[in-house]
Amino acid sequence: MIKELVKDEALLSQPCEKATIEHASIAQDLLDTMASLDDAACLAANQIGETVSIIAYLDEKEQPQIMFNPVLKRALGAYKTLEGCLTREGDTKVTRFARITVAFDELVDGELKPRKREFVDYTAEVIQHGIDHCKGKLV
């Protein structure tokens, strides 16, 4: 279901709780909402009012993907960039990393399975943005 974006900084600044299989419907809401938005590359659950650690993002082939409980494990190649956000006005200068390794859970056959993957360039940047949202960090 397409959800309205939340712009309340008090909600967005709260660290998200760990997602469980009971939160699987939120993942679909993220995908539906992200698909309804122009130029959306990532969306975190708290941006649609759910304070659980789930992000949706577009991969390097611009295909939508979901991560439950993403955690940045390794980050290389720091650089400064300007980022916009769907739930905040204006751009913010942030430090991002060109190559990251992320541990996360993936929904497979009704269960959350642990995964670890490396990401680079723009995909790495949008995932870092989503992870910041899960931590309650406002960009």
Protein backbone atom coordinates (compact mmCIF):
# COMPACT_ATOMS: atom_id res chain seq x y z
CA MET A 1 0.00 0.00 0.00
CA ILE A 2 1.25 3.49 -0.82
CA LYS A 3 1.88 5.44 2.39
CA GLU A 4 2.21 9.16 3.02
CA LEU A 5 5.75 10.38 3.72
CA VAL A 6 6.46 11.44 7.31
CA LYS A 7 8.35 14.71 7.77
CA ASP A 8 8.14 14.87 11.58
CA GLU A 9 11.75 15.22 12.74
CA ALA A 10 10.91 13.85 16.21
CA LEU A 11 9.84 10.55 14.64
CA LEU A 12 12.61 10.51 12.04
CA SER A 13 15.31 11.08 14.69
CA GLN A 14 14.31 8.00 16.72
CA PRO A 15 16.55 4.94 16.21
CA CYS A 16 14.51 2.13 14.69
CA GLU A 17 13.87 -1.17 16.42
CA LYS A 18 14.99 -4.46 14.93
CA ALA A 19 12.64 -5.74 12.24
CA THR A 20 11.15 -9.23 12.46
CA ILE A 21 9.17 -11.43 10.11
CA GLU A 22 6.01 -9.81 11.54
CA HIS A 23 7.10 -6.59 9.80
CA ALA A 24 7.15 -8.14 6.30
CA SER A 25 4.11 -6.14 5.14
CA ILE A 26 6.05 -2.91 5.81
CA ALA A 27 8.58 -4.00 3.18
CA GLN A 28 5.82 -4.15 0.57
CA ASP A 29 4.53 -0.75 1.68
CA LEU A 30 8.05 0.64 1.19
CA LEU A 31 8.26 -0.80 -2.32
CA ASP A 32 4.81 0.49 -3.26
CA THR A 33 5.49 3.95 -1.84
CA MET A 34 8.94 4.23 -3.41
CA ALA A 35 7.54 3.22 -6.83
CA SER A 36 4.92 5.98 -6.54
CA LEU A 37 7.53 8.72 -6.07
CA ASP A 38 9.48 10.51 -8.78
CA ASP A 39 13.25 10.08 -8.53
CA ALA A 40 13.20 8.03 -5.29
CA ALA A 41 16.34 5.90 -4.89
CA CYS A 42 15.78 4.73 -1.30
CA LEU A 43 13.20 4.83 1.43
CA ALA A 44 13.38 3.79 5.09
CA ALA A 45 10.45 2.49 7.11
CA ASN A 46 10.46 5.47 9.47
CA GLN A 47 9.83 7.72 6.46
CA ILE A 48 6.41 6.06 6.17
CA GLY A 49 5.77 6.12 9.92
CA GLU A 50 7.12 2.70 10.94
CA THR A 51 10.06 2.78 13.36
CA VAL A 52 11.57 -0.54 12.34
CA SER A 53 14.88 -1.12 10.58
CA ILE A 54 13.88 -1.82 6.98
CA ILE A 55 15.01 0.01 3.85
CA ALA A 56 14.03 -0.18 0.20
CA TYR A 57 16.53 0.94 -2.45
CA LEU A 58 17.22 0.75 -6.16
CA ASP A 59 20.19 -1.47 -7.01
CA GLU A 60 22.76 -0.85 -9.74
CA LYS A 61 20.24 -2.11 -12.35
CA GLU A 62 17.58 0.21 -10.89
CA GLN A 63 15.64 -2.75 -9.53
CA PRO A 64 13.93 -2.32 -6.13
CA GLN A 65 15.45 -4.28 -3.25
CA ILE A 66 14.67 -4.63 0.47
CA MET A 67 17.00 -4.96 3.45
CA PHE A 68 15.83 -5.85 6.93
CA ASN A 69 18.14 -4.69 9.76
CA PRO A 70 20.99 -3.33 7.60
CA VAL A 71 24.29 -2.68 9.39
CA LEU A 72 27.33 -1.06 7.81
CA LYS A 73 30.26 -3.41 8.47
CA ARG A 74 33.02 -1.89 6.35
CA ALA A 75 33.43 1.42 4.56
CA LEU A 76 36.24 2.48 2.21
CA GLY A 77 36.92 5.53 0.06
CA ALA A 78 35.41 8.42 2.01
CA TYR A 79 34.16 11.41 0.01
CA LYS A 80 31.98 14.46 0.62
CA THR A 81 28.75 14.92 -1.30
CA LEU A 82 25.47 16.83 -1.23
CA GLU A 83 22.39 14.71 -0.63
CA GLY A 84 18.73 15.46 -0.79
CA CYS A 85 16.07 13.58 1.14
CA LEU A 86 12.43 12.81 0.42
CA THR A 87 11.40 13.86 3.92
CA ARG A 88 13.60 16.93 4.48
CA GLU A 89 13.98 20.23 2.69
CA GLY A 90 17.19 21.16 0.86
CA ASP A 91 20.48 19.38 0.42
CA THR A 92 22.93 18.44 3.17
CA LYS A 93 26.70 17.95 2.93
CA VAL A 94 27.58 14.44 4.13
CA THR A 95 30.51 12.05 4.15
CA ARG A 96 29.85 8.82 2.26
CA PHE A 97 31.98 5.86 1.25
CA ALA A 98 32.53 4.54 -2.28
CA ARG A 99 32.72 0.86 -1.22
CA ILE A 100 30.77 -0.64 1.66
CA THR A 101 29.98 -4.04 3.13
CA VAL A 102 26.55 -4.42 4.68
CA ALA A 103 25.16 -7.20 6.86
CA PHE A 104 21.38 -7.49 6.63
CA ASP A 105 18.47 -9.90 6.68
CA GLU A 106 16.62 -10.91 3.53
CA LEU A 107 13.09 -12.27 3.39
CA VAL A 108 13.24 -15.71 1.76
CA ASP A 109 10.33 -18.18 1.79
CA GLY A 110 8.73 -16.51 4.79
CA GLU A 111 11.92 -16.36 6.87
CA LEU A 112 14.59 -13.73 7.47
CA LYS A 113 17.96 -15.04 6.32
CA PRO A 114 21.27 -13.33 7.21
CA ARG A 115 23.24 -11.94 4.27
CA LYS A 116 26.37 -9.89 3.72
CA ARG A 117 27.10 -8.01 0.49
CA GLU A 118 29.45 -5.41 -0.88
CA PHE A 119 28.12 -2.34 -2.68
CA VAL A 120 29.87 0.40 -4.63
CA ASP A 121 29.34 3.92 -5.92
CA TYR A 122 25.79 5.30 -6.12
CA THR A 123 24.14 2.13 -4.77
CA ALA A 124 26.47 2.29 -1.76
CA GLU A 125 25.55 5.93 -1.24
CA VAL A 126 21.79 5.38 -1.19
CA ILE A 127 22.12 2.38 1.14
CA GLN A 128 24.19 4.50 3.55
CA HIS A 129 21.43 7.13 3.45
CA GLY A 130 18.84 4.46 4.34
CA ILE A 131 20.99 3.07 7.16
CA ASP A 132 21.32 6.60 8.57
CA HIS A 133 17.52 6.83 8.65
CA CYS A 134 17.35 3.54 10.57
CA LYS A 135 19.76 4.99 13.14
CA GLY A 136 17.60 8.09 13.50
CA LYS A 137 20.26 10.24 11.86
CA LEU A 138 18.76 13.14 9.93
CA VAL A 139 20.54 14.04 6.72
